[in-house]
Amino acid sequence: ILFVVGLSEYDQQCFEDVDKNRMEEAMDVFDWINCHSLFKDTPVILFLNKKDLFEQKISTSPISQVPLFDDYTGGDNYEAGCEYFINKFAALHENATRQTSSEKTLYPHITQATDPENV
């Protein structure tokens, strides 16, 4: 499974449901996919994309000011923010692995799709 998330969208709402945070929706879909029996033993490659926009944004839109992520304590530190969201998805993955008694692996990557060095 290739799962792509806009890392910089942690403070944005969904177009189709303005009451739903985009990162929350991504986490919900990620969790659903990980728990689904069809993907029980399927490895997951997680791309947390738009790292350039995320790095610019965290100094003006603190992660901890988003109610869903008020447990974040890394301030405007880029690496801490990346690690925080990797850990959020990893926790969902671990929980799904436990629930489905599977041994699938998560491979997280911080990316920028427009950077030719990522290829």
N, C-alpha and C. Protein backbone atom coordinates (compact mmCIF):
# COMPACT_ATOMS: atom_id res chain seq x y z
N ILE A 1 0.86 -1.17 0.00
CA ILE A 1 0.00 0.00 0.00
C ILE A 1 0.89 1.23 0.00
N LEU A 2 0.61 2.16 -0.88
CA LEU A 2 1.24 3.47 -0.85
C LEU A 2 0.20 4.44 -0.32
N PHE A 3 0.50 5.09 0.78
CA PHE A 3 -0.44 6.02 1.39
C PHE A 3 0.24 7.38 1.46
N VAL A 4 -0.37 8.37 0.81
CA VAL A 4 0.21 9.71 0.74
C VAL A 4 -0.65 10.69 1.53
N VAL A 5 0.03 11.46 2.39
CA VAL A 5 -0.64 12.44 3.25
C VAL A 5 0.05 13.79 3.05
N GLY A 6 -0.73 14.85 2.97
CA GLY A 6 -0.16 16.19 2.93
C GLY A 6 0.24 16.62 4.33
N LEU A 7 1.52 16.57 4.63
CA LEU A 7 2.02 16.90 5.96
C LEU A 7 1.64 18.32 6.37
N SER A 8 1.58 19.20 5.42
CA SER A 8 1.29 20.61 5.71
C SER A 8 -0.20 20.88 5.93
N GLU A 9 -1.03 19.87 5.85
CA GLU A 9 -2.48 20.06 5.96
C GLU A 9 -3.02 19.80 7.36
N TYR A 10 -2.14 19.78 8.35
CA TYR A 10 -2.55 19.49 9.72
C TYR A 10 -3.52 20.52 10.30
N ASP A 11 -3.55 21.71 9.74
CA ASP A 11 -4.41 22.78 10.27
C ASP A 11 -5.51 23.19 9.28
N GLN A 12 -5.79 22.33 8.30
CA GLN A 12 -6.79 22.65 7.28
C GLN A 12 -8.00 21.75 7.39
N GLN A 13 -9.11 22.25 6.90
CA GLN A 13 -10.35 21.50 6.92
C GLN A 13 -10.58 20.86 5.55
N CYS A 14 -11.37 19.80 5.54
CA CYS A 14 -11.72 19.12 4.30
C CYS A 14 -12.66 19.99 3.47
N PHE A 15 -12.54 19.89 2.15
CA PHE A 15 -13.44 20.63 1.27
C PHE A 15 -14.88 20.14 1.44
N GLU A 16 -15.04 18.84 1.53
CA GLU A 16 -16.38 18.25 1.55
C GLU A 16 -17.03 18.23 2.94
N ASP A 17 -16.24 18.48 3.98
CA ASP A 17 -16.77 18.50 5.34
C ASP A 17 -15.93 19.48 6.16
N VAL A 18 -16.39 20.70 6.27
CA VAL A 18 -15.61 21.75 6.93
C VAL A 18 -15.44 21.52 8.43
N ASP A 19 -16.15 20.56 8.97
CA ASP A 19 -16.00 20.24 10.39
C ASP A 19 -14.92 19.17 10.62
N LYS A 20 -14.31 18.69 9.55
CA LYS A 20 -13.32 17.61 9.65
C LYS A 20 -11.95 18.13 9.24
N ASN A 21 -10.98 17.90 10.09
CA ASN A 21 -9.60 18.26 9.82
C ASN A 21 -9.00 17.30 8.78
N ARG A 22 -8.22 17.82 7.85
CA ARG A 22 -7.66 16.98 6.78
C ARG A 22 -6.73 15.89 7.32
N MET A 23 -5.90 16.23 8.28
CA MET A 23 -4.99 15.21 8.84
C MET A 23 -5.79 14.16 9.59
N GLU A 24 -6.83 14.59 10.29
CA GLU A 24 -7.69 13.63 11.00
C GLU A 24 -8.34 12.67 10.01
N GLU A 25 -8.82 13.20 8.89
CA GLU A 25 -9.43 12.35 7.88
C GLU A 25 -8.41 11.36 7.31
N ALA A 26 -7.21 11.84 7.04
CA ALA A 26 -6.16 10.96 6.53
C ALA A 26 -5.86 9.85 7.53
N MET A 27 -5.81 10.20 8.80
CA MET A 27 -5.54 9.20 9.84
C MET A 27 -6.68 8.20 9.94
N ASP A 28 -7.91 8.66 9.79
CA ASP A 28 -9.06 7.75 9.82
C ASP A 28 -9.02 6.76 8.66
N VAL A 29 -8.72 7.25 7.46
CA VAL A 29 -8.65 6.37 6.29
C VAL A 29 -7.47 5.40 6.44
N PHE A 30 -6.35 5.90 6.90
CA PHE A 30 -5.16 5.06 7.13
C PHE A 30 -5.50 3.94 8.11
N ASP A 31 -6.18 4.28 9.18
CA ASP A 31 -6.56 3.28 10.18
C ASP A 31 -7.51 2.25 9.59
N TRP A 32 -8.49 2.70 8.82
CA TRP A 32 -9.46 1.80 8.21
C TRP A 32 -8.76 0.82 7.27
N ILE A 33 -7.86 1.34 6.44
CA ILE A 33 -7.13 0.48 5.51
C ILE A 33 -6.28 -0.54 6.27
N ASN A 34 -5.59 -0.08 7.30
CA ASN A 34 -4.71 -0.97 8.08
C ASN A 34 -5.49 -2.06 8.80
N CYS A 35 -6.72 -1.79 9.17
CA CYS A 35 -7.54 -2.77 9.90
C CYS A 35 -8.31 -3.71 8.97
N HIS A 36 -8.37 -3.38 7.70
CA HIS A 36 -9.16 -4.17 6.76
C HIS A 36 -8.50 -5.52 6.51
N SER A 37 -9.30 -6.56 6.50
CA SER A 37 -8.78 -7.92 6.35
C SER A 37 -8.08 -8.15 5.01
N LEU A 38 -8.47 -7.43 3.98
CA LEU A 38 -7.82 -7.58 2.67
C LEU A 38 -6.34 -7.18 2.71
N PHE A 39 -6.01 -6.30 3.63
CA PHE A 39 -4.64 -5.79 3.70
C PHE A 39 -3.90 -6.31 4.94
N LYS A 40 -4.37 -7.42 5.48
CA LYS A 40 -3.85 -7.94 6.74
C LYS A 40 -2.33 -8.05 6.77
N ASP A 41 -1.74 -8.56 5.73
CA ASP A 41 -0.29 -8.78 5.72
C ASP A 41 0.42 -7.93 4.67
N THR A 42 -0.20 -6.84 4.28
CA THR A 42 0.36 -5.97 3.25
C THR A 42 1.20 -4.87 3.87
N PRO A 43 2.47 -4.76 3.49
CA PRO A 43 3.30 -3.66 4.00
C PRO A 43 2.74 -2.31 3.55
N VAL A 44 3.00 -1.29 4.35
CA VAL A 44 2.49 0.05 4.06
C VAL A 44 3.66 1.01 3.94
N ILE A 45 3.69 1.72 2.81
CA ILE A 45 4.66 2.79 2.62
C ILE A 45 3.89 4.10 2.80
N LEU A 46 4.30 4.84 3.81
CA LEU A 46 3.63 6.10 4.16
C LEU A 46 4.48 7.26 3.69
N PHE A 47 3.92 8.08 2.81
CA PHE A 47 4.59 9.29 2.36
C PHE A 47 3.93 10.49 3.03
N LEU A 48 4.65 11.14 3.92
CA LEU A 48 4.20 12.40 4.49
C LEU A 48 4.79 13.47 3.57
N ASN A 49 3.97 13.95 2.66
CA ASN A 49 4.41 14.80 1.57
C ASN A 49 4.27 16.29 1.92
N LYS A 50 4.80 17.13 1.06
CA LYS A 50 4.76 18.59 1.20
C LYS A 50 5.60 19.06 2.38
N LYS A 51 6.76 18.43 2.55
CA LYS A 51 7.63 18.80 3.67
C LYS A 51 8.09 20.25 3.58
N ASP A 52 8.24 20.78 2.38
CA ASP A 52 8.67 22.17 2.21
C ASP A 52 7.62 23.13 2.74
N LEU A 53 6.36 22.87 2.43
CA LEU A 53 5.27 23.72 2.93
C LEU A 53 5.10 23.57 4.44
N PHE A 54 5.27 22.35 4.91
CA PHE A 54 5.18 22.10 6.35
C PHE A 54 6.24 22.88 7.11
N GLU A 55 7.47 22.84 6.61
CA GLU A 55 8.57 23.54 7.28
C GLU A 55 8.32 25.05 7.35
N GLN A 56 7.74 25.60 6.29
CA GLN A 56 7.42 27.03 6.28
C GLN A 56 6.26 27.35 7.22
N LYS A 57 5.30 26.47 7.28
CA LYS A 57 4.06 26.75 7.99
C LYS A 57 4.15 26.65 9.51
N ILE A 58 4.95 25.73 10.04
CA ILE A 58 4.89 25.47 11.48
C ILE A 58 5.30 26.66 12.34
N SER A 59 6.04 27.59 11.78
CA SER A 59 6.41 28.77 12.57
C SER A 59 5.28 29.78 12.66
N THR A 60 4.33 29.73 11.73
CA THR A 60 3.21 30.68 11.76
C THR A 60 1.89 30.04 12.16
N SER A 61 1.81 28.73 12.09
CA SER A 61 0.60 28.00 12.48
C SER A 61 1.02 26.83 13.37
N PRO A 62 1.18 27.09 14.66
CA PRO A 62 1.68 26.05 15.57
C PRO A 62 0.81 24.79 15.58
N ILE A 63 1.47 23.66 15.52
CA ILE A 63 0.77 22.37 15.53
C ILE A 63 -0.09 22.23 16.78
N SER A 64 0.46 22.64 17.92
CA SER A 64 -0.25 22.47 19.20
C SER A 64 -1.49 23.34 19.32
N GLN A 65 -1.66 24.30 18.42
CA GLN A 65 -2.86 25.14 18.46
C GLN A 65 -4.05 24.48 17.77
N VAL A 66 -3.79 23.38 17.07
CA VAL A 66 -4.87 22.60 16.46
C VAL A 66 -5.37 21.66 17.56
N PRO A 67 -6.66 21.75 17.92
CA PRO A 67 -7.17 20.95 19.05
C PRO A 67 -6.83 19.47 19.00
N LEU A 68 -6.83 18.87 17.82
CA LEU A 68 -6.51 17.45 17.70
C LEU A 68 -5.07 17.12 18.07
N PHE A 69 -4.21 18.12 17.98
CA PHE A 69 -2.78 17.89 18.19
C PHE A 69 -2.23 18.74 19.32
N ASP A 70 -3.08 19.02 20.30
CA ASP A 70 -2.67 19.88 21.42
C ASP A 70 -1.67 19.20 22.35
N ASP A 71 -1.39 17.91 22.13
CA ASP A 71 -0.38 17.21 22.92
C ASP A 71 1.03 17.37 22.33
N TYR A 72 1.13 18.04 21.21
CA TYR A 72 2.43 18.28 20.57
C TYR A 72 3.23 19.28 21.39
N THR A 73 4.49 18.97 21.65
CA THR A 73 5.33 19.83 22.50
C THR A 73 6.62 20.29 21.81
N GLY A 74 6.73 20.10 20.51
CA GLY A 74 7.97 20.41 19.82
C GLY A 74 8.11 21.82 19.28
N GLY A 75 7.14 22.67 19.59
CA GLY A 75 7.23 24.05 19.11
C GLY A 75 7.27 24.12 17.59
N ASP A 76 8.12 25.01 17.07
CA ASP A 76 8.21 25.15 15.62
C ASP A 76 9.39 24.38 15.04
N ASN A 77 9.83 23.35 15.76
CA ASN A 77 10.94 22.53 15.30
C ASN A 77 10.47 21.57 14.20
N TYR A 78 11.04 21.72 13.02
CA TYR A 78 10.65 20.92 11.85
C TYR A 78 10.79 19.42 12.10
N GLU A 79 11.96 19.00 12.60
CA GLU A 79 12.21 17.57 12.82
C GLU A 79 11.24 16.99 13.86
N ALA A 80 10.99 17.77 14.92
CA ALA A 80 10.06 17.31 15.96
C ALA A 80 8.65 17.17 15.39
N GLY A 81 8.25 18.09 14.53
CA GLY A 81 6.94 18.01 13.90
C GLY A 81 6.80 16.79 13.00
N CYS A 82 7.84 16.53 12.22
CA CYS A 82 7.83 15.34 11.35
C CYS A 82 7.73 14.07 12.18
N GLU A 83 8.55 14.00 13.21
CA GLU A 83 8.55 12.83 14.09
C GLU A 83 7.20 12.64 14.77
N TYR A 84 6.58 13.73 15.17
CA TYR A 84 5.27 13.68 15.82
C TYR A 84 4.24 13.00 14.90
N PHE A 85 4.19 13.44 13.64
CA PHE A 85 3.19 12.86 12.74
C PHE A 85 3.56 11.44 12.31
N ILE A 86 4.84 11.14 12.18
CA ILE A 86 5.23 9.75 11.93
C ILE A 86 4.75 8.88 13.09
N ASN A 87 4.95 9.35 14.31
CA ASN A 87 4.52 8.58 15.49
C ASN A 87 3.01 8.41 15.55
N LYS A 88 2.26 9.43 15.14
CA LYS A 88 0.79 9.33 15.12
C LYS A 88 0.35 8.19 14.19
N PHE A 89 0.92 8.17 12.98
CA PHE A 89 0.56 7.12 12.03
C PHE A 89 1.11 5.76 12.46
N ALA A 90 2.30 5.74 13.03
CA ALA A 90 2.88 4.49 13.50
C ALA A 90 2.03 3.87 14.61
N ALA A 91 1.48 4.69 15.50
CA ALA A 91 0.62 4.18 16.57
C ALA A 91 -0.64 3.55 15.98
N LEU A 92 -1.22 4.18 14.97
CA LEU A 92 -2.39 3.60 14.32
C LEU A 92 -2.02 2.27 13.66
N HIS A 93 -0.88 2.24 13.02
CA HIS A 93 -0.42 1.03 12.35
C HIS A 93 -0.18 -0.10 13.36
N GLU A 94 0.47 0.21 14.46
CA GLU A 94 0.73 -0.80 15.49
C GLU A 94 -0.57 -1.34 16.07
N ASN A 95 -1.52 -0.47 16.32
CA ASN A 95 -2.81 -0.90 16.85
C ASN A 95 -3.52 -1.82 15.86
N ALA A 96 -3.50 -1.47 14.59
CA ALA A 96 -4.14 -2.31 13.57
C ALA A 96 -3.43 -3.64 13.45
N THR A 97 -2.12 -3.64 13.55
CA THR A 97 -1.34 -4.88 13.48
C THR A 97 -1.71 -5.80 14.63
N ARG A 98 -1.88 -5.23 15.81
CA ARG A 98 -2.30 -6.02 16.98
C ARG A 98 -3.70 -6.58 16.78
N GLN A 99 -4.62 -5.73 16.32
CA GLN A 99 -6.02 -6.14 16.15
C GLN A 99 -6.17 -7.25 15.12
N THR A 100 -5.38 -7.19 14.07
CA THR A 100 -5.53 -8.17 12.98
C THR A 100 -4.53 -9.32 13.09
N SER A 101 -3.75 -9.33 14.15
CA SER A 101 -2.73 -10.38 14.35
C SER A 101 -1.86 -10.55 13.11
N SER A 102 -1.41 -9.44 12.58
CA SER A 102 -0.58 -9.49 11.39
C SER A 102 0.84 -9.02 11.71
N GLU A 103 1.69 -9.16 10.73
CA GLU A 103 3.08 -8.75 10.92
C GLU A 103 3.52 -7.81 9.81
N LYS A 104 2.61 -7.00 9.31
CA LYS A 104 2.97 -6.08 8.23
C LYS A 104 3.85 -4.95 8.76
N THR A 105 4.62 -4.38 7.87
CA THR A 105 5.59 -3.37 8.24
C THR A 105 5.18 -2.00 7.71
N LEU A 106 5.51 -0.97 8.46
CA LEU A 106 5.27 0.41 8.03
C LEU A 106 6.61 1.03 7.65
N TYR A 107 6.64 1.66 6.48
CA TYR A 107 7.83 2.35 6.00
C TYR A 107 7.49 3.83 5.79
N PRO A 108 7.72 4.66 6.80
CA PRO A 108 7.39 6.09 6.66
C PRO A 108 8.50 6.88 5.98
N HIS A 109 8.10 7.86 5.18
CA HIS A 109 9.04 8.74 4.48
C HIS A 109 8.50 10.16 4.50
N ILE A 110 9.37 11.12 4.73
CA ILE A 110 9.03 12.54 4.63
C ILE A 110 9.46 12.97 3.23
N THR A 111 8.53 13.50 2.43
CA THR A 111 8.83 13.78 1.03
C THR A 111 8.35 15.15 0.57
N GLN A 112 8.88 15.50 -0.60
CA GLN A 112 8.42 16.68 -1.33
C GLN A 112 8.31 16.23 -2.78
N ALA A 113 7.11 16.05 -3.28
CA ALA A 113 6.89 15.47 -4.60
C ALA A 113 7.55 16.27 -5.72
N THR A 114 7.73 17.56 -5.53
CA THR A 114 8.31 18.39 -6.58
C THR A 114 9.83 18.44 -6.53
N ASP A 115 10.44 17.72 -5.60
CA ASP A 115 11.90 17.70 -5.46
C ASP A 115 12.46 16.52 -6.25
N PRO A 116 13.23 16.78 -7.34
CA PRO A 116 13.76 15.68 -8.14
C PRO A 116 14.75 14.80 -7.36
N GLU A 117 15.27 15.28 -6.25
CA GLU A 117 16.18 14.48 -5.42
C GLU A 117 15.45 13.35 -4.70
N ASN A 118 14.12 13.41 -4.60
CA ASN A 118 13.35 12.36 -3.94
C ASN A 118 13.16 11.13 -4.81
N VAL A 119 13.45 11.24 -6.09
CA VAL A 119 13.21 10.14 -7.02
C VAL A 119 14.32 9.12 -6.93
